[in-house]
Amino acid sequence: MKAIGVFDSGIGGLTVVKELMRQLPNEDIVYLGDTARLPYGIKSTQTVTRFTLENILFLLKFNIKLIIVACNTASSLALPVIRHYFRIPIIGVITSGVKEAVYATRTKCIGVIGTRSTIKSKAYEKEIKSIDSSVKVISLACPLFVPLVEENWFNTKETEQIADQYLKPFKKTKVDVLILGCTHYPLLKPVIKKVLGDKVKLIDSARQVVNEVKGILDNEGLRLKNKRKGKMSFYVTDEPECFRDSAYVFLGRKAANMYHLNPVRNKAPGATAPPNSVAGTSNGVKAKHTAVKC
């Protein structure tokens, strides 16, 4: 069975996995959390692109039919450069959320929050303007949100204080739609809503991305039609305990079949050979890993 590959810099991409489980329960999923190199949002375009290539090449060791780049920083900085070098569909998390935001706004004023790299790239602003040039975009970097989520600080007094400081500028604007431009941020929805109130609609891309994936699988004839329950495998590049705990919060279930990756050797449990890429390497980057089941 061909699986859907998903990767993120940490646990945030599990918001996409949860939506895959809901909408496509029969599909197998291979998830890679690059927790050892978290966060991506403070790194250069060159570094993020290299990490993204390595992650894609690792996932392609499995029988993968489609990859979701469930990291907004990688989607904004690396995906436009590398997606055409691979034969299988590689989906980012920016376009789908933007479409919903443009449709939803009534004031023609959209807010975007994300990592420093995502905001600096202006990827969301460019995408929004390509759909409707009359929309005003106000973007703010919220770099502390990712470590707060990684530490399971979803609803603490400190998190609320930080959110209030970050989001305060939006209160003086006509923003009626806020794009959560990082897959970690949906876990902070209650806090963000508390700070901004009910008049601001929060947009996260997980549901829209999976809708896009369904369309691609249907068009390519790759969607599983049987009623078997999909299998999931999780790979992390750092110690798995924190990821295991967070995965339970994200998914509402234990993350079985978890492996700790060591980027040394060119072998991973359950992997099949030759990736569906133009080449096994890209720009000199080799995907060498060994994994130990946890």
Protein backbone atom coordinates (compact mmCIF):
# COMPACT_ATOMS: atom_id res chain seq x y z
CA MET A 1 0.00 0.00 0.00
CA LYS A 2 1.29 3.45 -0.87
CA ALA A 3 1.29 5.91 2.02
CA ILE A 4 0.98 9.66 2.46
CA GLY A 5 4.17 11.27 3.76
CA VAL A 6 4.01 14.25 6.12
CA PHE A 7 6.84 16.22 7.68
CA ASP A 8 7.25 19.19 9.96
CA SER A 9 10.04 20.68 12.05
CA GLY A 10 8.33 19.29 15.15
CA ILE A 11 4.90 18.29 16.37
CA GLY A 12 2.86 21.01 14.64
CA GLY A 13 2.30 18.88 11.54
CA LEU A 14 0.24 16.50 13.67
CA THR A 15 -2.65 18.95 13.20
CA VAL A 16 -2.57 17.89 9.54
CA VAL A 17 -2.24 14.22 10.49
CA LYS A 18 -5.32 14.50 12.69
CA GLU A 19 -7.29 15.92 9.78
CA LEU A 20 -5.98 13.16 7.49
CA MET A 21 -7.22 10.62 10.04
CA ARG A 22 -10.63 12.27 10.02
CA GLN A 23 -11.10 12.70 6.27
CA LEU A 24 -8.99 9.81 4.93
CA PRO A 25 -9.09 7.13 7.66
CA ASN A 26 -8.08 4.34 5.29
CA GLU A 27 -4.79 5.89 4.22
CA ASP A 28 -1.42 4.89 5.64
CA ILE A 29 0.66 7.80 6.95
CA VAL A 30 4.41 8.17 7.51
CA TYR A 31 5.23 11.21 9.66
CA LEU A 32 8.65 12.78 10.13
CA GLY A 33 9.17 15.31 12.92
CA ASP A 34 12.57 16.97 12.59
CA THR A 35 12.65 17.77 16.30
CA ALA A 36 16.46 17.85 16.56
CA ARG A 37 16.63 20.88 14.24
CA LEU A 38 13.59 22.74 15.55
CA PRO A 39 12.72 25.55 15.04
CA TYR A 40 13.00 26.18 11.30
CA GLY A 41 11.56 29.68 11.66
CA ILE A 42 14.83 31.32 12.73
CA LYS A 43 17.00 29.68 10.08
CA SER A 44 18.16 30.91 6.66
CA THR A 45 16.44 30.07 3.38
CA GLN A 46 19.43 27.96 2.36
CA THR A 47 19.33 25.93 5.56
CA VAL A 48 15.57 25.40 5.47
CA THR A 49 15.81 24.30 1.83
CA ARG A 50 18.53 21.79 2.70
CA PHE A 51 16.52 20.40 5.61
CA THR A 52 13.42 20.16 3.41
CA LEU A 53 15.30 18.22 0.73
CA GLU A 54 16.68 15.82 3.32
CA ASN A 55 13.22 15.27 4.82
CA ILE A 56 11.62 14.63 1.43
CA LEU A 57 14.37 12.21 0.43
CA PHE A 58 13.93 10.32 3.69
CA LEU A 59 10.17 9.98 3.21
CA LEU A 60 10.70 8.80 -0.34
CA LYS A 61 12.48 5.73 0.99
CA PHE A 62 9.00 4.48 1.79
CA ASN A 63 6.28 3.63 -0.69
CA ILE A 64 4.99 7.22 -0.75
CA LYS A 65 2.41 8.54 -3.20
CA LEU A 66 2.16 12.14 -1.98
CA ILE A 67 4.00 14.38 0.50
CA ILE A 68 2.57 17.16 2.64
CA VAL A 69 5.07 19.77 3.76
CA ALA A 70 3.25 20.51 7.02
CA CYS A 71 5.65 23.29 7.94
CA ASN A 72 4.79 26.84 6.94
CA THR A 73 8.41 27.96 6.97
CA ALA A 74 9.46 25.15 4.63
CA SER A 75 6.36 25.74 2.49
CA SER A 76 7.20 29.43 2.08
CA LEU A 77 10.99 29.24 1.68
CA ALA A 78 11.83 25.86 0.16
CA LEU A 79 8.82 24.42 -1.62
CA PRO A 80 8.66 26.93 -4.51
CA VAL A 81 12.27 26.02 -5.36
CA ILE A 82 12.26 22.23 -5.04
CA ARG A 83 8.76 20.91 -5.72
CA HIS A 84 9.32 20.54 -9.47
CA TYR A 85 12.31 18.24 -8.98
CA PHE A 86 10.14 15.35 -7.83
CA ARG A 87 7.64 13.23 -9.72
CA ILE A 88 5.11 12.79 -6.92
CA PRO A 89 2.81 15.58 -5.72
CA ILE A 90 4.29 17.70 -2.92
CA ILE A 91 1.74 19.90 -1.18
CA GLY A 92 2.43 22.93 1.03
CA VAL A 93 0.21 24.50 3.66
CA ILE A 94 -0.04 28.09 2.45
CA THR A 95 -2.29 28.27 -0.61
CA SER A 96 -5.27 26.41 0.83
CA GLY A 97 -5.48 28.56 3.95
CA VAL A 98 -5.10 31.75 1.94
CA LYS A 99 -8.03 30.87 -0.29
CA GLU A 100 -10.32 30.40 2.69
CA ALA A 101 -9.12 33.63 4.31
CA VAL A 102 -9.76 35.73 1.20
CA TYR A 103 -13.20 34.19 0.87
CA ALA A 104 -14.01 34.82 4.54
CA THR A 105 -12.91 38.43 5.03
CA ARG A 106 -15.56 41.13 4.92
CA THR A 107 -13.37 44.09 5.85
CA LYS A 108 -10.72 43.26 3.21
CA CYS A 109 -8.15 43.20 5.99
CA ILE A 110 -6.40 39.92 6.79
CA GLY A 111 -3.91 39.28 9.58
CA VAL A 112 -1.13 36.71 9.35
CA ILE A 113 0.98 35.34 12.20
CA GLY A 114 3.93 33.01 11.70
CA THR A 115 7.60 32.43 12.36
CA ARG A 116 10.12 35.16 11.54
CA SER A 117 11.20 33.40 8.35
CA THR A 118 7.63 32.89 7.12
CA ILE A 119 6.69 36.51 7.76
CA LYS A 120 9.93 37.81 6.23
CA SER A 121 9.31 35.77 3.07
CA LYS A 122 5.99 37.59 2.49
CA ALA A 123 4.70 34.31 1.07
CA TYR A 124 1.22 34.80 2.52
CA GLU A 125 1.00 38.41 1.41
CA LYS A 126 2.03 37.52 -2.15
CA GLU A 127 -0.48 34.65 -2.29
CA ILE A 128 -3.30 36.80 -0.92
CA LYS A 129 -2.54 39.64 -3.34
CA SER A 130 -2.49 37.19 -6.27
CA ILE A 131 -6.10 36.32 -5.47
CA ASP A 132 -7.37 39.77 -4.49
CA SER A 133 -5.02 42.74 -4.77
CA SER A 134 -7.42 44.97 -2.83
CA VAL A 135 -6.97 43.04 0.42
CA LYS A 136 -4.78 44.67 3.06
CA VAL A 137 -2.42 42.25 4.81
CA ILE A 138 -0.97 42.83 8.28
CA SER A 139 1.68 40.30 9.24
CA LEU A 140 3.31 39.73 12.63
CA ALA A 141 6.01 37.27 13.68
CA CYS A 142 5.28 35.27 16.86
CA PRO A 143 8.49 33.27 17.37
CA LEU A 144 7.76 32.15 20.93
CA PHE A 145 4.55 30.35 19.98
CA VAL A 146 6.39 27.30 18.59
CA PRO A 147 8.43 26.53 21.74
CA LEU A 148 5.33 27.13 23.88
CA VAL A 149 3.46 24.46 21.91
CA GLU A 150 6.44 22.10 21.90
CA GLU A 151 6.47 22.36 25.70
CA ASN A 152 2.69 21.76 25.92
CA TRP A 153 2.09 25.25 27.33
CA PHE A 154 -1.20 25.58 25.50
CA ASN A 155 -3.27 27.48 28.02
CA THR A 156 -1.09 28.95 30.77
CA LYS A 157 -1.05 32.45 32.20
CA GLU A 158 2.37 33.04 30.68
CA THR A 159 1.19 31.93 27.23
CA GLU A 160 -1.76 34.30 27.43
CA GLN A 161 0.51 37.19 28.39
CA ILE A 162 2.84 36.47 25.48
CA ALA A 163 -0.10 36.14 23.08
CA ASP A 164 -1.50 39.46 24.29
CA GLN A 165 1.81 41.19 23.59
CA TYR A 166 2.14 39.67 20.14
CA LEU A 167 -1.46 40.20 19.04
CA LYS A 168 -2.12 43.62 20.56
CA PRO A 169 -1.39 45.48 17.27
CA PHE A 170 -4.30 43.68 15.56
CA LYS A 171 -6.78 45.21 17.99
CA LYS A 172 -6.24 48.63 16.42
CA THR A 173 -6.94 47.40 12.88
CA LYS A 174 -9.89 46.19 10.81
CA VAL A 175 -8.57 42.63 10.71
CA ASP A 176 -11.53 40.22 10.77
CA VAL A 177 -9.65 37.11 9.63
CA LEU A 178 -6.38 35.83 11.09
CA ILE A 179 -4.32 33.17 9.32
CA LEU A 180 -2.45 30.92 11.72
CA GLY A 181 0.66 30.70 9.57
CA CYS A 182 2.30 27.83 11.41
CA THR A 183 0.96 24.33 11.99
CA HIS A 184 1.88 24.64 15.68
CA TYR A 185 -0.48 27.56 16.22
CA PRO A 186 -3.87 25.77 16.11
CA LEU A 187 -3.07 24.39 19.56
CA LEU A 188 -3.13 27.98 20.80
CA LYS A 189 -6.54 28.77 19.31
CA PRO A 190 -8.30 29.15 22.69
CA VAL A 191 -5.70 31.66 23.89
CA ILE A 192 -5.65 33.58 20.59
CA LYS A 193 -9.44 33.73 20.53
CA LYS A 194 -9.47 34.95 24.11
CA VAL A 195 -7.10 37.79 23.21
CA LEU A 196 -8.75 38.84 19.93
CA GLY A 197 -12.38 37.97 20.61
CA ASP A 198 -15.03 36.21 18.55
CA LYS A 199 -15.16 38.84 15.79
CA VAL A 200 -11.86 37.62 14.34
CA LYS A 201 -12.11 34.32 12.44
CA LEU A 202 -9.09 32.06 12.86
CA ILE A 203 -7.90 30.16 9.80
CA ASP A 204 -5.65 27.11 10.00
CA SER A 205 -4.82 25.23 6.86
CA ALA A 206 -5.16 21.59 7.97
CA ARG A 207 -8.73 21.03 6.73
CA GLN A 208 -8.15 22.85 3.44
CA VAL A 209 -4.87 21.04 2.79
CA VAL A 210 -6.49 17.63 3.28
CA ASN A 211 -9.33 18.67 0.97
CA GLU A 212 -6.68 19.44 -1.64
CA VAL A 213 -5.00 16.09 -1.01
CA LYS A 214 -8.31 14.26 -1.49
CA GLY A 215 -8.79 15.97 -4.84
CA ILE A 216 -5.31 15.02 -6.02
CA LEU A 217 -5.65 11.40 -4.92
CA ASP A 218 -9.02 11.14 -6.67
CA ASN A 219 -7.72 12.72 -9.87
CA GLU A 220 -4.67 10.45 -9.92
CA GLY A 221 -6.66 7.35 -8.99
CA LEU A 222 -4.54 6.89 -5.86
CA ARG A 223 -7.18 7.09 -3.15
CA LEU A 224 -7.78 3.86 -1.26
CA LYS A 225 -11.31 2.54 -1.66
CA ASN A 226 -11.25 -0.25 0.91
CA LYS A 227 -12.45 0.12 4.49
CA ARG A 228 -9.28 -1.00 6.24
CA LYS A 229 -7.97 1.27 8.96
CA GLY A 230 -4.87 3.16 7.90
CA LYS A 231 -1.54 2.48 9.59
CA MET A 232 0.69 5.22 10.95
CA SER A 233 4.44 5.38 11.54
CA PHE A 234 6.21 8.26 13.28
CA TYR A 235 9.86 9.22 12.98
CA VAL A 236 11.59 11.88 15.09
CA THR A 237 15.17 13.14 14.91
CA ASP A 238 15.50 13.83 18.65
CA GLU A 239 14.50 11.99 21.82
CA PRO A 240 10.93 10.75 21.37
CA GLU A 241 9.42 11.12 24.85
CA CYS A 242 8.24 14.73 24.53
CA PHE A 243 6.95 14.00 21.05
CA ARG A 244 5.07 10.96 22.32
CA ASP A 245 3.34 13.01 25.02
CA SER A 246 2.46 15.83 22.64
CA ALA A 247 1.22 13.41 20.00
CA TYR A 248 -1.31 12.10 22.50
CA VAL A 249 -2.58 15.66 23.03
CA PHE A 250 -2.70 16.39 19.30
CA LEU A 251 -4.23 13.11 18.14
CA GLY A 252 -6.16 11.93 21.18
CA ARG A 253 -4.41 8.57 20.93
CA LYS A 254 -1.02 7.05 21.52
CA ALA A 255 1.51 7.30 18.71
CA ALA A 256 2.44 3.67 18.12
CA ASN A 257 5.16 2.63 15.68
CA MET A 258 7.49 5.45 16.73
CA TYR A 259 11.13 5.51 15.66
CA HIS A 260 14.07 7.63 16.72
CA LEU A 261 16.08 8.67 13.68
CA ASN A 262 19.83 8.96 13.69
CA PRO A 263 21.07 10.70 10.53
CA VAL A 264 23.97 8.35 9.93
CA ARG A 265 23.11 5.34 7.80
CA ASN A 266 21.02 4.87 4.74
CA LYS A 267 18.35 2.52 6.09
CA ALA A 268 14.98 2.87 7.82
CA PRO A 269 12.63 0.14 9.10
CA GLY A 270 9.87 -0.65 6.66
CA ALA A 271 11.42 1.47 3.96
CA THR A 272 11.46 0.41 0.35
CA ALA A 273 14.12 1.38 -2.07
CA PRO A 274 14.42 3.98 -4.66
CA PRO A 275 12.57 7.16 -4.09
CA ASN A 276 10.11 8.54 -6.60
CA SER A 277 12.40 11.45 -7.31
CA VAL A 278 14.40 12.54 -10.31
CA ALA A 279 17.43 11.29 -8.44
CA GLY A 280 18.25 9.75 -5.09
CA THR A 281 20.09 12.92 -4.21
CA SER A 282 19.38 16.55 -4.99
CA ASN A 283 21.92 19.39 -5.01
CA GLY A 284 24.40 17.03 -3.41
CA VAL A 285 22.20 16.35 -0.39
CA LYS A 286 22.11 12.70 0.62
CA ALA A 287 19.41 11.24 2.85
CA LYS A 288 21.27 8.94 5.23
CA HIS A 289 19.39 7.72 8.28
CA THR A 290 19.02 4.79 10.58
CA ALA A 291 16.05 4.43 12.90
CA VAL A 292 15.49 2.67 16.20
CA LYS A 293 11.97 1.73 17.28
CA CYS A 294 10.91 3.26 20.59
